[in-house]
Amino acid sequence: LIIGSLELQRALVGFKAPGDNDKFQDLNEDYFPGDVGFDPLGLKPDDADEFFEMSTKELQHGRLAMLGVAGMVAQELVNGKEIFVNMGVAVDRFDPSLLPVQF
C-alpha cells in the first residue's frame, strides 16, 4: 500500500494528465525521471546535467554494492563460515549440512 501510494504520487508529478497529451505517457516539461521533489538535506543539484550525473553515480554505486554482497555470500558458501566469523568478531554457528542445496 505504501509503495503503491508513492508510485501514484510520482506518476501524478511526472506525467501529463490523460486528456492533455498528444501521445501515451508524455512526461511533464519540468519533470526529470527520478526527481519527485524529496530532498530533505538539500543535496539535489539545480542543473539537469548535474542531476543526471548524480543519479548515474548512485546507480553505479548501488551496482558495486550488490557485487560486494555477492562476493561475501560466495565466500560464505565456499568456505562454510559466516563473514563475521572470517573477520573474527563472531562465533562459528554455521552448519553447511542444513542448507537446502549441498555444494
Protein backbone atom coordinates (compact mmCIF):
# COMPACT_ATOMS: atom_id res chain seq x y z
CA LEU A 1 0.00 0.00 0.00
CA ILE A 2 2.79 2.42 0.90
CA ILE A 3 4.78 1.71 -2.26
CA GLY A 4 1.62 1.99 -4.36
CA SER A 5 0.80 5.39 -2.92
CA LEU A 6 4.37 6.60 -3.51
CA GLU A 7 4.27 5.41 -7.12
CA LEU A 8 0.90 7.08 -7.65
CA GLN A 9 2.33 10.36 -6.34
CA ARG A 10 5.34 10.01 -8.67
CA ALA A 11 3.03 9.37 -11.61
CA LEU A 12 0.90 12.40 -10.76
CA VAL A 13 4.01 14.61 -10.50
CA GLY A 14 5.81 13.27 -13.56
CA PHE A 15 3.20 12.53 -16.21
CA LYS A 16 0.71 14.75 -18.00
CA ALA A 17 -2.99 14.15 -17.42
CA PRO A 18 -4.53 11.61 -19.83
CA GLY A 19 -6.54 14.20 -21.78
CA ASP A 20 -3.78 16.82 -22.03
CA ASN A 21 -1.18 14.89 -24.04
CA ASP A 22 -0.63 14.11 -27.69
CA LYS A 23 0.71 10.62 -27.13
CA PHE A 24 0.53 7.99 -24.43
CA GLN A 25 2.57 8.67 -21.27
CA ASP A 26 4.02 12.12 -22.00
CA LEU A 27 6.24 13.49 -19.26
CA ASN A 28 5.73 16.97 -17.86
CA GLU A 29 8.20 19.51 -19.21
CA ASP A 30 9.71 20.33 -15.80
CA TYR A 31 9.98 16.68 -14.65
CA PHE A 32 13.20 14.67 -14.71
CA PRO A 33 12.82 10.91 -14.17
CA GLY A 34 13.73 10.09 -10.60
CA ASP A 35 13.14 13.60 -9.28
CA VAL A 36 10.00 13.55 -7.15
CA GLY A 37 10.87 16.59 -5.06
CA PHE A 38 12.03 14.70 -1.95
CA ASP A 39 15.34 16.22 -0.86
CA PRO A 40 15.32 16.91 2.88
CA LEU A 41 19.09 17.54 3.07
CA GLY A 42 19.25 19.80 0.02
CA LEU A 43 21.73 17.62 -1.88
CA LYS A 44 19.95 17.67 -5.24
CA PRO A 45 21.74 19.75 -7.88
CA ASP A 46 19.81 22.52 -9.61
CA ASP A 47 21.20 21.76 -13.06
CA ALA A 48 19.62 18.88 -15.03
CA ASP A 49 23.01 17.64 -16.27
CA GLU A 50 24.39 17.52 -12.73
CA PHE A 51 21.26 15.70 -11.55
CA PHE A 52 21.67 13.14 -14.33
CA GLU A 53 25.33 12.65 -13.39
CA MET A 54 24.45 12.24 -9.71
CA SER A 55 21.71 9.71 -10.46
CA THR A 56 24.12 7.76 -12.69
CA LYS A 57 26.70 7.70 -9.90
CA GLU A 58 24.04 6.49 -7.47
CA LEU A 59 23.13 3.62 -9.79
CA GLN A 60 26.79 2.66 -10.28
CA HIS A 61 27.46 2.68 -6.53
CA GLY A 62 24.38 0.52 -5.96
CA ARG A 63 25.58 -1.99 -8.55
CA LEU A 64 29.02 -2.08 -6.95
CA ALA A 65 27.45 -2.70 -3.53
CA MET A 66 25.43 -5.60 -4.96
CA LEU A 67 28.63 -7.14 -6.36
CA GLY A 68 30.29 -6.74 -2.96
CA VAL A 69 27.42 -8.52 -1.21
CA ALA A 70 27.51 -11.28 -3.84
CA GLY A 71 31.23 -11.73 -3.11
CA MET A 72 30.58 -12.05 0.62
CA VAL A 73 27.81 -14.59 0.03
CA ALA A 74 30.06 -16.57 -2.34
CA GLN A 75 32.82 -16.60 0.28
CA GLU A 76 30.40 -17.90 2.91
CA LEU A 77 29.23 -20.66 0.58
CA VAL A 78 32.77 -21.67 -0.42
CA ASN A 79 34.43 -21.99 2.99
CA GLY A 80 31.29 -22.59 5.08
CA LYS A 81 31.98 -19.76 7.52
CA GLU A 82 29.95 -16.59 8.02
CA ILE A 83 31.61 -13.33 7.02
CA PHE A 84 31.80 -12.15 10.65
CA VAL A 85 33.49 -15.43 11.62
CA ASN A 86 36.11 -14.80 8.94
CA MET A 87 36.66 -11.32 10.41
CA GLY A 88 36.99 -12.84 13.88
CA VAL A 89 34.13 -10.92 15.51
CA ALA A 90 31.60 -13.76 15.89
CA VAL A 91 31.42 -17.39 16.93
CA ASP A 92 31.05 -20.01 14.18
CA ARG A 93 27.43 -21.30 14.22
CA PHE A 94 27.05 -22.10 10.50
CA ASP A 95 26.21 -25.71 9.60
CA PRO A 96 26.51 -26.39 5.84
CA SER A 97 24.51 -29.60 6.18
CA LEU A 98 21.39 -27.52 6.93
CA LEU A 99 21.49 -25.78 3.54
CA PRO A 100 18.76 -26.82 1.10
CA VAL A 101 21.40 -27.10 -1.67
CA GLN A 102 24.60 -29.03 -0.99
CA PHE A 103 27.82 -27.85 -2.65
